[in-house]
Amino acid sequence: MTLYAAAPARRTRQIFGDLFFLAWIGAWTWAGLRAQEAVLELAAPGRATADAAGGIAGQLRDVEGRIADVPLVGGDLTGPFGGMAEQADGLAAAGTSMVETVETLALAVGLAVLLIPVLLVAVIYLPLRIRFARRAGAARRTARQLAAGDTAGDVALFALRALANQPVRKLAQVADDPVAAWRAGDEDVVHRLANLELRDLGVRR
């Protein structure tokens, strides 16, 4: 697979484009992690509540167990402590639920911060790079056929592509009237045009 053009200027633009895209992903990954951490800070009260309520429930049950050992009246005195322990358990469960909700929200926010800007660029940039790689790969295969001595028809085809795709200033460097030269079958001009297109596709003949 050919990822970069043989032409230095275009190859440089492609390399910088790829580096920018990678930096873009890295920057928004960092931003997504920071956003996730910021949202997770909202879970601190719920976590503190769950820890405190759980600790209180444990202490109340410990007291309940000690009172239950008191002869005669122990069983009657344990009721209030058991009730308060259950209420503390409920408060701890609410705190834990709050923490889980915030963690889910933090993950969603982090992914949104990362994926939205990355996908906006990816849907534009990646198809262009994939298209170039496919075209350059096909051009490389054709160039190998040309090197093996296949007919000049493929050379003329690439020359025609050059007339359609290349900037006028580049075509003017090949011939004063490249279209007329192509129509006339000027072999030198046709080969130079084909080489221009192949080079732009990342292939050297």
N, C-alpha and C. Protein backbone atom coordinates (compact mmCIF):
# COMPACT_ATOMS: atom_id res chain seq x y z
N MET A 1 0.84 -1.19 0.00
CA MET A 1 0.00 0.00 0.00
C MET A 1 0.88 1.24 0.00
N THR A 2 0.56 2.18 -0.89
CA THR A 2 1.31 3.43 -0.99
C THR A 2 0.58 4.51 -0.21
N LEU A 3 1.20 5.00 0.85
CA LEU A 3 0.55 5.99 1.71
C LEU A 3 0.91 7.41 1.35
N TYR A 4 2.07 7.61 0.72
CA TYR A 4 2.53 8.97 0.46
C TYR A 4 2.95 9.12 -0.99
N ALA A 5 2.75 10.31 -1.51
CA ALA A 5 3.10 10.61 -2.89
C ALA A 5 4.61 10.71 -3.05
N ALA A 6 5.05 10.49 -4.27
CA ALA A 6 6.47 10.63 -4.55
C ALA A 6 6.87 12.09 -4.68
N ALA A 7 5.91 12.93 -5.09
CA ALA A 7 6.19 14.36 -5.22
C ALA A 7 6.48 14.94 -3.83
N PRO A 8 7.63 15.59 -3.65
CA PRO A 8 8.01 16.07 -2.30
C PRO A 8 6.99 16.99 -1.66
N ALA A 9 6.45 17.93 -2.44
CA ALA A 9 5.52 18.90 -1.85
C ALA A 9 4.26 18.21 -1.34
N ARG A 10 3.69 17.33 -2.18
CA ARG A 10 2.47 16.65 -1.76
C ARG A 10 2.76 15.67 -0.64
N ARG A 11 3.90 14.98 -0.70
CA ARG A 11 4.26 14.05 0.37
C ARG A 11 4.40 14.78 1.69
N THR A 12 5.00 15.97 1.66
CA THR A 12 5.15 16.77 2.88
C THR A 12 3.79 17.15 3.44
N ARG A 13 2.88 17.55 2.56
CA ARG A 13 1.53 17.92 3.03
C ARG A 13 0.83 16.71 3.64
N GLN A 14 1.00 15.55 3.03
CA GLN A 14 0.36 14.34 3.56
C GLN A 14 0.93 13.96 4.92
N ILE A 15 2.25 14.06 5.05
CA ILE A 15 2.88 13.72 6.34
C ILE A 15 2.41 14.67 7.43
N PHE A 16 2.40 15.97 7.12
CA PHE A 16 1.94 16.94 8.11
C PHE A 16 0.46 16.72 8.42
N GLY A 17 -0.32 16.36 7.40
CA GLY A 17 -1.73 16.07 7.65
C GLY A 17 -1.92 14.90 8.59
N ASP A 18 -1.14 13.83 8.38
CA ASP A 18 -1.24 12.66 9.26
C ASP A 18 -0.79 13.01 10.68
N LEU A 19 0.29 13.77 10.78
CA LEU A 19 0.78 14.16 12.11
C LEU A 19 -0.25 15.04 12.82
N PHE A 20 -0.87 15.94 12.07
CA PHE A 20 -1.89 16.80 12.66
C PHE A 20 -3.08 15.97 13.14
N PHE A 21 -3.48 14.98 12.32
CA PHE A 21 -4.61 14.14 12.71
C PHE A 21 -4.30 13.35 13.97
N LEU A 22 -3.09 12.81 14.06
CA LEU A 22 -2.69 12.09 15.27
C LEU A 22 -2.64 13.02 16.48
N ALA A 23 -2.10 14.24 16.27
CA ALA A 23 -2.06 15.21 17.37
C ALA A 23 -3.48 15.61 17.78
N TRP A 24 -4.37 15.72 16.80
CA TRP A 24 -5.77 16.06 17.07
C TRP A 24 -6.41 14.98 17.95
N ILE A 25 -6.16 13.72 17.62
CA ILE A 25 -6.70 12.62 18.42
C ILE A 25 -6.11 12.66 19.83
N GLY A 26 -4.78 12.87 19.92
CA GLY A 26 -4.14 12.93 21.23
C GLY A 26 -4.67 14.06 22.08
N ALA A 27 -4.87 15.24 21.47
CA ALA A 27 -5.35 16.40 22.22
C ALA A 27 -6.75 16.16 22.76
N TRP A 28 -7.63 15.61 21.93
CA TRP A 28 -9.01 15.39 22.38
C TRP A 28 -9.12 14.19 23.30
N THR A 29 -8.18 13.25 23.20
CA THR A 29 -8.13 12.17 24.19
C THR A 29 -7.79 12.74 25.56
N TRP A 30 -6.80 13.63 25.58
CA TRP A 30 -6.44 14.30 26.84
C TRP A 30 -7.61 15.11 27.38
N ALA A 31 -8.29 15.85 26.50
CA ALA A 31 -9.44 16.65 26.93
C ALA A 31 -10.57 15.76 27.45
N GLY A 32 -10.79 14.62 26.80
CA GLY A 32 -11.82 13.70 27.27
C GLY A 32 -11.52 13.13 28.65
N LEU A 33 -10.25 12.81 28.88
CA LEU A 33 -9.86 12.31 30.21
C LEU A 33 -10.03 13.37 31.27
N ARG A 34 -9.66 14.62 30.93
CA ARG A 34 -9.82 15.71 31.90
C ARG A 34 -11.30 15.95 32.20
N ALA A 35 -12.14 15.88 31.17
CA ALA A 35 -13.57 16.08 31.39
C ALA A 35 -14.14 14.96 32.25
N GLN A 36 -13.69 13.73 32.01
CA GLN A 36 -14.15 12.61 32.82
C GLN A 36 -13.74 12.80 34.28
N GLU A 37 -12.51 13.22 34.50
CA GLU A 37 -12.05 13.44 35.87
C GLU A 37 -12.84 14.56 36.55
N ALA A 38 -13.17 15.61 35.78
CA ALA A 38 -13.93 16.73 36.36
C ALA A 38 -15.32 16.27 36.80
N VAL A 39 -15.96 15.44 35.99
CA VAL A 39 -17.29 14.94 36.36
C VAL A 39 -17.20 13.97 37.52
N LEU A 40 -16.14 13.17 37.56
CA LEU A 40 -15.98 12.22 38.66
C LEU A 40 -15.86 12.90 40.02
N GLU A 41 -15.41 14.15 40.00
CA GLU A 41 -15.32 14.88 41.27
C GLU A 41 -16.69 15.07 41.90
N LEU A 42 -17.73 15.05 41.06
CA LEU A 42 -19.09 15.18 41.59
C LEU A 42 -19.50 13.96 42.41
N ALA A 43 -18.78 12.86 42.26
CA ALA A 43 -19.11 11.64 43.00
C ALA A 43 -18.54 11.66 44.41
N ALA A 44 -17.69 12.63 44.72
CA ALA A 44 -17.06 12.66 46.04
C ALA A 44 -18.08 12.71 47.18
N PRO A 45 -19.11 13.58 47.12
CA PRO A 45 -20.09 13.58 48.23
C PRO A 45 -20.81 12.24 48.39
N GLY A 46 -21.19 11.63 47.27
CA GLY A 46 -21.87 10.34 47.35
C GLY A 46 -20.97 9.27 47.92
N ARG A 47 -19.70 9.30 47.54
CA ARG A 47 -18.75 8.30 48.06
C ARG A 47 -18.55 8.51 49.57
N ALA A 48 -18.44 9.78 49.97
CA ALA A 48 -18.26 10.07 51.40
C ALA A 48 -19.50 9.65 52.20
N THR A 49 -20.67 9.90 51.60
CA THR A 49 -21.91 9.52 52.28
C THR A 49 -22.00 8.01 52.44
N ALA A 50 -21.67 7.29 51.36
CA ALA A 50 -21.74 5.83 51.42
C ALA A 50 -20.76 5.28 52.45
N ASP A 51 -19.54 5.83 52.49
CA ASP A 51 -18.55 5.35 53.45
C ASP A 51 -18.99 5.64 54.89
N ALA A 52 -19.47 6.88 55.12
CA ALA A 52 -19.87 7.26 56.47
C ALA A 52 -21.08 6.45 56.94
N ALA A 53 -22.09 6.34 56.05
CA ALA A 53 -23.30 5.59 56.42
C ALA A 53 -22.98 4.12 56.65
N GLY A 54 -22.10 3.56 55.83
CA GLY A 54 -21.72 2.17 56.02
C GLY A 54 -21.01 1.97 57.35
N GLY A 55 -20.14 2.93 57.68
CA GLY A 55 -19.45 2.83 58.97
C GLY A 55 -20.40 2.94 60.14
N ILE A 56 -21.36 3.87 60.04
CA ILE A 56 -22.34 4.02 61.12
C ILE A 56 -23.18 2.76 61.27
N ALA A 57 -23.60 2.18 60.13
CA ALA A 57 -24.41 0.96 60.19
C ALA A 57 -23.63 -0.16 60.86
N GLY A 58 -22.35 -0.26 60.57
CA GLY A 58 -21.53 -1.29 61.20
C GLY A 58 -21.43 -1.08 62.70
N GLN A 59 -21.24 0.17 63.10
CA GLN A 59 -21.14 0.45 64.54
C GLN A 59 -22.46 0.16 65.25
N LEU A 60 -23.57 0.54 64.60
CA LEU A 60 -24.87 0.29 65.22
C LEU A 60 -25.13 -1.20 65.38
N ARG A 61 -24.75 -1.98 64.42
CA ARG A 61 -24.94 -3.43 64.53
C ARG A 61 -24.02 -4.02 65.60
N ASP A 62 -22.83 -3.42 65.75
CA ASP A 62 -21.94 -3.88 66.80
C ASP A 62 -22.55 -3.61 68.18
N VAL A 63 -23.12 -2.41 68.32
CA VAL A 63 -23.79 -2.07 69.59
C VAL A 63 -24.99 -2.98 69.80
N GLU A 64 -25.73 -3.21 68.70
CA GLU A 64 -26.91 -4.09 68.81
C GLU A 64 -26.50 -5.48 69.29
N GLY A 65 -25.41 -5.97 68.81
CA GLY A 65 -24.96 -7.29 69.22
C GLY A 65 -24.55 -7.32 70.68
N ARG A 66 -23.90 -6.23 71.12
CA ARG A 66 -23.49 -6.18 72.52
C ARG A 66 -24.69 -6.09 73.46
N ILE A 67 -25.69 -5.28 73.05
CA ILE A 67 -26.87 -5.12 73.90
C ILE A 67 -27.67 -6.42 73.95
N ALA A 68 -27.68 -7.14 72.86
CA ALA A 68 -28.45 -8.40 72.83
C ALA A 68 -27.94 -9.39 73.86
N ASP A 69 -26.72 -9.21 74.29
CA ASP A 69 -26.16 -10.12 75.30
C ASP A 69 -26.55 -9.74 76.72
N VAL A 70 -27.18 -8.58 76.88
CA VAL A 70 -27.59 -8.16 78.23
C VAL A 70 -28.77 -9.04 78.66
N PRO A 71 -28.70 -9.63 79.84
CA PRO A 71 -29.78 -10.53 80.29
C PRO A 71 -31.10 -9.79 80.46
N LEU A 72 -32.16 -10.46 80.19
CA LEU A 72 -33.54 -10.03 80.41
C LEU A 72 -33.99 -8.92 79.44
N VAL A 73 -33.30 -7.76 79.42
CA VAL A 73 -33.77 -6.61 78.65
C VAL A 73 -33.04 -6.45 77.33
N GLY A 74 -32.06 -7.28 77.08
CA GLY A 74 -31.25 -7.11 75.87
C GLY A 74 -32.07 -7.17 74.60
N GLY A 75 -32.99 -8.13 74.52
CA GLY A 75 -33.79 -8.28 73.32
C GLY A 75 -34.67 -7.09 73.05
N ASP A 76 -35.19 -6.46 74.09
CA ASP A 76 -36.07 -5.30 73.91
C ASP A 76 -35.30 -4.06 73.48
N LEU A 77 -34.05 -3.94 73.91
CA LEU A 77 -33.28 -2.73 73.62
C LEU A 77 -32.62 -2.74 72.23
N THR A 78 -32.55 -3.91 71.61
CA THR A 78 -31.86 -3.97 70.32
C THR A 78 -32.68 -3.41 69.17
N GLY A 79 -34.03 -3.32 69.35
CA GLY A 79 -34.90 -2.87 68.25
C GLY A 79 -34.50 -1.53 67.65
N PRO A 80 -34.36 -0.48 68.43
CA PRO A 80 -34.01 0.84 67.87
C PRO A 80 -32.68 0.83 67.12
N PHE A 81 -31.73 0.11 67.67
CA PHE A 81 -30.40 0.08 67.01
C PHE A 81 -30.48 -0.63 65.66
N GLY A 82 -31.27 -1.70 65.62
CA GLY A 82 -31.44 -2.40 64.35
C GLY A 82 -32.11 -1.51 63.31
N GLY A 83 -33.12 -0.75 63.74
CA GLY A 83 -33.80 0.16 62.81
C GLY A 83 -32.87 1.24 62.29
N MET A 84 -32.08 1.82 63.18
CA MET A 84 -31.15 2.86 62.75
C MET A 84 -30.08 2.29 61.82
N ALA A 85 -29.66 1.04 62.07
CA ALA A 85 -28.68 0.41 61.19
C ALA A 85 -29.25 0.22 59.78
N GLU A 86 -30.52 -0.17 59.69
CA GLU A 86 -31.15 -0.33 58.38
C GLU A 86 -31.27 1.00 57.66
N GLN A 87 -31.60 2.07 58.39
CA GLN A 87 -31.66 3.39 57.77
C GLN A 87 -30.28 3.83 57.26
N ALA A 88 -29.25 3.53 58.04
CA ALA A 88 -27.89 3.86 57.61
C ALA A 88 -27.51 3.06 56.37
N ASP A 89 -27.95 1.79 56.32
CA ASP A 89 -27.70 0.98 55.12
C ASP A 89 -28.38 1.59 53.90
N GLY A 90 -29.60 2.06 54.07
CA GLY A 90 -30.31 2.70 52.97
C GLY A 90 -29.59 3.95 52.49
N LEU A 91 -29.07 4.74 53.45
CA LEU A 91 -28.33 5.94 53.07
C LEU A 91 -27.04 5.58 52.34
N ALA A 92 -26.38 4.52 52.80
CA ALA A 92 -25.16 4.07 52.12
C ALA A 92 -25.47 3.59 50.71
N ALA A 93 -26.58 2.87 50.54
CA ALA A 93 -26.97 2.40 49.21
C ALA A 93 -27.27 3.57 48.28
N ALA A 94 -27.91 4.62 48.82
CA ALA A 94 -28.20 5.80 48.01
C ALA A 94 -26.91 6.48 47.57
N GLY A 95 -25.95 6.57 48.49
CA GLY A 95 -24.65 7.16 48.14
C GLY A 95 -23.94 6.36 47.07
N THR A 96 -23.98 5.02 47.20
CA THR A 96 -23.35 4.16 46.20
C THR A 96 -24.02 4.30 44.85
N SER A 97 -25.35 4.40 44.85
CA SER A 97 -26.08 4.59 43.60
C SER A 97 -25.70 5.91 42.93
N MET A 98 -25.55 6.94 43.75
CA MET A 98 -25.15 8.24 43.22
C MET A 98 -23.76 8.16 42.58
N VAL A 99 -22.85 7.46 43.23
CA VAL A 99 -21.49 7.30 42.70
C VAL A 99 -21.53 6.58 41.36
N GLU A 100 -22.31 5.51 41.26
CA GLU A 100 -22.40 4.75 40.02
C GLU A 100 -22.98 5.60 38.89
N THR A 101 -23.98 6.41 39.23
CA THR A 101 -24.59 7.29 38.22
C THR A 101 -23.58 8.31 37.72
N VAL A 102 -22.85 8.90 38.63
CA VAL A 102 -21.85 9.90 38.24
C VAL A 102 -20.74 9.26 37.41
N GLU A 103 -20.33 8.06 37.77
CA GLU A 103 -19.29 7.37 36.99
C GLU A 103 -19.75 7.09 35.57
N THR A 104 -21.01 6.67 35.42
CA THR A 104 -21.56 6.44 34.09
C THR A 104 -21.62 7.74 33.29
N LEU A 105 -22.05 8.82 33.96
CA LEU A 105 -22.11 10.12 33.31
C LEU A 105 -20.72 10.60 32.92
N ALA A 106 -19.75 10.38 33.78
CA ALA A 106 -18.38 10.82 33.49
C ALA A 106 -17.83 10.10 32.27
N LEU A 107 -18.11 8.78 32.16
CA LEU A 107 -17.65 8.03 31.00
C LEU A 107 -18.30 8.55 29.73
N ALA A 108 -19.60 8.84 29.79
CA ALA A 108 -20.31 9.34 28.62
C ALA A 108 -19.77 10.71 28.19
N VAL A 109 -19.53 11.59 29.17
CA VAL A 109 -19.01 12.92 28.86
C VAL A 109 -17.61 12.81 28.26
N GLY A 110 -16.76 11.98 28.85
CA GLY A 110 -15.41 11.81 28.33
C GLY A 110 -15.40 11.30 26.90
N LEU A 111 -16.24 10.30 26.61
CA LEU A 111 -16.31 9.77 25.25
C LEU A 111 -16.86 10.80 24.26
N ALA A 112 -17.85 11.59 24.72
CA ALA A 112 -18.41 12.61 23.84
C ALA A 112 -17.37 13.67 23.50
N VAL A 113 -16.63 14.11 24.50
CA VAL A 113 -15.58 15.12 24.27
C VAL A 113 -14.52 14.58 23.32
N LEU A 114 -14.21 13.30 23.41
CA LEU A 114 -13.20 12.70 22.53
C LEU A 114 -13.75 12.45 21.12
N LEU A 115 -14.89 11.77 21.04
CA LEU A 115 -15.34 11.24 19.76
C LEU A 115 -15.92 12.29 18.82
N ILE A 116 -16.66 13.26 19.35
CA ILE A 116 -17.32 14.23 18.46
C ILE A 116 -16.32 14.98 17.60
N PRO A 117 -15.32 15.67 18.17
CA PRO A 117 -14.38 16.38 17.29
C PRO A 117 -13.50 15.46 16.45
N VAL A 118 -13.13 14.30 17.00
CA VAL A 118 -12.29 13.37 16.22
C VAL A 118 -13.06 12.83 15.02
N LEU A 119 -14.32 12.45 15.22
CA LEU A 119 -15.10 11.91 14.12
C LEU A 119 -15.40 12.97 13.07
N LEU A 120 -15.59 14.22 13.50
CA LEU A 120 -15.85 15.30 12.54
C LEU A 120 -14.70 15.45 11.56
N VAL A 121 -13.48 15.31 12.06
CA VAL A 121 -12.30 15.40 11.18
C VAL A 121 -12.08 14.09 10.43
N ALA A 122 -12.31 12.96 11.11
CA ALA A 122 -12.03 11.66 10.51
C ALA A 122 -12.90 11.39 9.29
N VAL A 123 -14.18 11.80 9.35
CA VAL A 123 -15.08 11.52 8.22
C VAL A 123 -14.69 12.32 6.98
N ILE A 124 -13.90 13.37 7.15
CA ILE A 124 -13.42 14.15 6.01
C ILE A 124 -12.03 13.69 5.58
N TYR A 125 -11.16 13.51 6.56
CA TYR A 125 -9.74 13.26 6.25
C TYR A 125 -9.47 11.82 5.82
N LEU A 126 -10.00 10.85 6.57
CA LEU A 126 -9.68 9.45 6.28
C LEU A 126 -10.13 9.00 4.89
N PRO A 127 -11.34 9.36 4.43
CA PRO A 127 -11.70 8.96 3.06
C PRO A 127 -10.74 9.49 2.00
N LEU A 128 -10.22 10.70 2.20
CA LEU A 128 -9.25 11.25 1.25
C LEU A 128 -7.97 10.43 1.24
N ARG A 129 -7.49 10.05 2.43
CA ARG A 129 -6.25 9.27 2.52
C ARG A 129 -6.46 7.87 1.95
N ILE A 130 -7.62 7.26 2.23
CA ILE A 130 -7.90 5.93 1.71
C ILE A 130 -8.02 5.97 0.20
N ARG A 131 -8.68 7.00 -0.31
CA ARG A 131 -8.81 7.13 -1.76
C ARG A 131 -7.44 7.27 -2.42
N PHE A 132 -6.57 8.08 -1.81
CA PHE A 132 -5.23 8.24 -2.38
C PHE A 132 -4.49 6.91 -2.37
N ALA A 133 -4.56 6.19 -1.25
CA ALA A 133 -3.83 4.92 -1.13
C ALA A 133 -4.30 3.93 -2.19
N ARG A 134 -5.61 3.87 -2.43
CA ARG A 134 -6.14 2.96 -3.45
C ARG A 134 -5.68 3.37 -4.84
N ARG A 135 -5.78 4.67 -5.13
CA ARG A 135 -5.37 5.14 -6.46
C ARG A 135 -3.87 4.93 -6.66
N ALA A 136 -3.09 5.22 -5.62
CA ALA A 136 -1.64 5.05 -5.74
C ALA A 136 -1.28 3.57 -5.91
N GLY A 137 -2.00 2.69 -5.21
CA GLY A 137 -1.73 1.27 -5.35
C GLY A 137 -2.04 0.78 -6.76
N ALA A 138 -3.17 1.24 -7.30
CA ALA A 138 -3.51 0.86 -8.68
C ALA A 138 -2.49 1.42 -9.66
N ALA A 139 -2.04 2.66 -9.42
CA ALA A 139 -1.04 3.27 -10.30
C ALA A 139 0.28 2.51 -10.22
N ARG A 140 0.65 2.06 -9.03
CA ARG A 140 1.90 1.30 -8.89
C ARG A 140 1.83 -0.01 -9.67
N ARG A 141 0.70 -0.68 -9.59
CA ARG A 141 0.57 -1.93 -10.35
C ARG A 141 0.66 -1.68 -11.86
N THR A 142 0.03 -0.59 -12.30
CA THR A 142 0.09 -0.26 -13.72
C THR A 142 1.50 0.13 -14.13
N ALA A 143 2.21 0.85 -13.26
CA ALA A 143 3.59 1.23 -13.56
C ALA A 143 4.48 0.00 -13.69
N ARG A 144 4.22 -1.02 -12.89
CA ARG A 144 5.00 -2.25 -13.01
C ARG A 144 4.72 -2.94 -14.34
N GLN A 145 3.47 -2.89 -14.78
CA GLN A 145 3.14 -3.46 -16.07
C GLN A 145 3.83 -2.70 -17.19
N LEU A 146 3.88 -1.37 -17.05
CA LEU A 146 4.56 -0.57 -18.05
C LEU A 146 6.05 -0.91 -18.10
N ALA A 147 6.64 -1.10 -16.91
CA ALA A 147 8.06 -1.44 -16.86
C ALA A 147 8.33 -2.81 -17.46
N ALA A 148 7.31 -3.67 -17.44
CA ALA A 148 7.48 -5.01 -18.00
C ALA A 148 7.32 -5.02 -19.51
N GLY A 149 7.01 -3.84 -20.07
CA GLY A 149 6.93 -3.74 -21.52
C GLY A 149 5.54 -3.87 -22.08
N ASP A 150 4.50 -3.56 -21.29
CA ASP A 150 3.15 -3.60 -21.80
C ASP A 150 2.92 -2.47 -22.79
N THR A 151 1.78 -2.44 -23.42
CA THR A 151 1.47 -1.47 -24.47
C THR A 151 1.50 -0.05 -23.94
N ALA A 152 1.64 0.88 -24.89
CA ALA A 152 1.72 2.29 -24.52
C ALA A 152 0.36 2.88 -24.19
N GLY A 153 -0.69 2.08 -24.31
CA GLY A 153 -2.03 2.61 -24.03
C GLY A 153 -2.16 3.10 -22.60
N ASP A 154 -1.55 2.37 -21.66
CA ASP A 154 -1.62 2.78 -20.26
C ASP A 154 -0.86 4.08 -20.05
N VAL A 155 0.25 4.27 -20.77
CA VAL A 155 0.99 5.52 -20.66
C VAL A 155 0.12 6.68 -21.11
N ALA A 156 -0.57 6.50 -22.24
CA ALA A 156 -1.45 7.55 -22.75
C ALA A 156 -2.59 7.82 -21.77
N LEU A 157 -3.06 6.76 -21.10
CA LEU A 157 -4.14 6.94 -20.12
C LEU A 157 -3.68 7.80 -18.95
N PHE A 158 -2.49 7.52 -18.44
CA PHE A 158 -1.97 8.33 -17.33
C PHE A 158 -1.67 9.75 -17.79
N ALA A 159 -1.25 9.89 -19.02
CA ALA A 159 -1.05 11.24 -19.55
C ALA A 159 -2.36 12.00 -19.61
N LEU A 160 -3.42 11.32 -20.01
CA LEU A 160 -4.75 11.95 -20.04
C LEU A 160 -5.20 12.32 -18.63
N ARG A 161 -4.95 11.44 -17.66
CA ARG A 161 -5.29 11.76 -16.27
C ARG A 161 -4.53 12.99 -15.80
N ALA A 162 -3.27 13.11 -16.23
CA ALA A 162 -2.49 14.28 -15.85
C ALA A 162 -3.12 15.55 -16.41
N LEU A 163 -3.58 15.49 -17.66
CA LEU A 163 -4.23 16.66 -18.26
C LEU A 163 -5.49 17.06 -17.49
N ALA A 164 -6.16 16.06 -16.91
CA ALA A 164 -7.40 16.33 -16.19
C ALA A 164 -7.16 16.75 -14.74
N ASN A 165 -6.07 16.25 -14.14
CA ASN A 165 -5.89 16.43 -12.70
C ASN A 165 -4.81 17.43 -12.31
N GLN A 166 -3.79 17.58 -13.12
CA GLN A 166 -2.63 18.38 -12.71
C GLN A 166 -2.89 19.88 -12.90
N PRO A 167 -2.26 20.71 -12.07
CA PRO A 167 -2.39 22.16 -12.22
C PRO A 167 -1.83 22.62 -13.57
N VAL A 168 -2.37 23.73 -14.07
CA VAL A 168 -1.96 24.25 -15.37
C VAL A 168 -0.48 24.59 -15.37
N ARG A 169 0.02 25.12 -14.26
CA ARG A 169 1.44 25.52 -14.22
C ARG A 169 2.35 24.31 -14.41
N LYS A 170 1.97 23.15 -13.86
CA LYS A 170 2.78 21.95 -14.05
C LYS A 170 2.70 21.45 -15.49
N LEU A 171 1.49 21.53 -16.08
CA LEU A 171 1.33 21.09 -17.45
C LEU A 171 2.14 21.99 -18.39
N ALA A 172 2.20 23.29 -18.06
CA ALA A 172 2.94 24.22 -18.91
C ALA A 172 4.43 23.94 -18.89
N GLN A 173 4.91 23.31 -17.83
CA GLN A 173 6.32 22.96 -17.76
C GLN A 173 6.65 21.76 -18.64
N VAL A 174 5.64 20.98 -18.99
CA VAL A 174 5.85 19.82 -19.85
C VAL A 174 5.89 20.22 -21.32
N ALA A 175 4.94 21.07 -21.73
CA ALA A 175 4.87 21.51 -23.13
C ALA A 175 4.05 22.79 -23.19
N ASP A 176 4.27 23.56 -24.24
CA ASP A 176 3.50 24.79 -24.41
C ASP A 176 2.02 24.49 -24.61
N ASP A 177 1.73 23.43 -25.36
CA ASP A 177 0.35 23.00 -25.57
C ASP A 177 0.27 21.49 -25.35
N PRO A 178 0.21 21.06 -24.07
CA PRO A 178 0.25 19.62 -23.79
C PRO A 178 -0.94 18.86 -24.36
N VAL A 179 -2.09 19.50 -24.46
CA VAL A 179 -3.27 18.81 -25.00
C VAL A 179 -3.04 18.47 -26.47
N ALA A 180 -2.54 19.46 -27.23
CA ALA A 180 -2.27 19.20 -28.65
C ALA A 180 -1.19 18.14 -28.82
N ALA A 181 -0.17 18.19 -27.96
CA ALA A 181 0.89 17.19 -28.04
C ALA A 181 0.36 15.80 -27.72
N TRP A 182 -0.54 15.72 -26.75
CA TRP A 182 -1.14 14.41 -26.40
C TRP A 182 -1.97 13.88 -27.56
N ARG A 183 -2.77 14.78 -28.16
CA ARG A 183 -3.58 14.36 -29.31
C ARG A 183 -2.72 13.93 -30.48
N ALA A 184 -1.60 14.60 -30.65
CA ALA A 184 -0.70 14.27 -31.77
C ALA A 184 0.13 13.02 -31.49
N GLY A 185 0.07 12.53 -30.25
CA GLY A 185 0.82 11.33 -29.90
C GLY A 185 2.30 11.57 -29.70
N ASP A 186 2.65 12.79 -29.30
CA ASP A 186 4.06 13.11 -29.04
C ASP A 186 4.54 12.22 -27.89
N GLU A 187 5.39 11.26 -28.24
CA GLU A 187 5.79 10.25 -27.26
C GLU A 187 6.49 10.86 -26.05
N ASP A 188 7.36 11.83 -26.28
CA ASP A 188 8.09 12.45 -25.18
C ASP A 188 7.14 13.17 -24.23
N VAL A 189 6.21 13.95 -24.78
CA VAL A 189 5.26 14.69 -23.95
C VAL A 189 4.33 13.72 -23.22
N VAL A 190 3.88 12.70 -23.93
CA VAL A 190 2.97 11.72 -23.31
C VAL A 190 3.65 11.05 -22.12
N HIS A 191 4.90 10.65 -22.28
CA HIS A 191 5.62 10.01 -21.17
C HIS A 191 5.85 10.99 -20.02
N ARG A 192 6.15 12.23 -20.33
CA ARG A 192 6.36 13.21 -19.27
C ARG A 192 5.07 13.49 -18.52
N LEU A 193 3.97 13.54 -19.24
CA LEU A 193 2.67 13.73 -18.58
C LEU A 193 2.33 12.52 -17.70
N ALA A 194 2.58 11.32 -18.23
CA ALA A 194 2.30 10.12 -17.45
C ALA A 194 3.15 10.08 -16.19
N ASN A 195 4.42 10.42 -16.34
CA ASN A 195 5.30 10.45 -15.16
C ASN A 195 4.83 11.48 -14.14
N LEU A 196 4.31 12.60 -14.62
CA LEU A 196 3.81 13.64 -13.72
C LEU A 196 2.64 13.12 -12.89
N GLU A 197 1.74 12.40 -13.55
CA GLU A 197 0.58 11.86 -12.83
C GLU A 197 0.99 10.73 -11.89
N LEU A 198 1.86 9.84 -12.36
CA LEU A 198 2.32 8.75 -11.51
C LEU A 198 3.06 9.26 -10.28
N ARG A 199 3.87 10.27 -10.49
CA ARG A 199 4.62 10.85 -9.38
C ARG A 199 3.68 11.46 -8.34
N ASP A 200 2.63 12.10 -8.83
CA ASP A 200 1.66 12.70 -7.91
C ASP A 200 0.89 11.62 -7.14
N LEU A 201 0.78 10.43 -7.71
CA LEU A 201 0.11 9.31 -7.05
C LEU A 201 1.04 8.51 -6.16
N GLY A 202 2.29 8.95 -6.06
CA GLY A 202 3.21 8.26 -5.17
C GLY A 202 4.02 7.18 -5.83
N VAL A 203 4.11 7.21 -7.16
CA VAL A 203 4.81 6.16 -7.90
C VAL A 203 5.91 6.80 -8.73
N ARG A 204 7.09 6.19 -8.68
CA ARG A 204 8.20 6.62 -9.54
C ARG A 204 8.42 5.55 -10.61
N ARG A 205 8.54 6.00 -11.86
CA ARG A 205 8.83 5.06 -12.95
C ARG A 205 10.33 4.98 -13.15
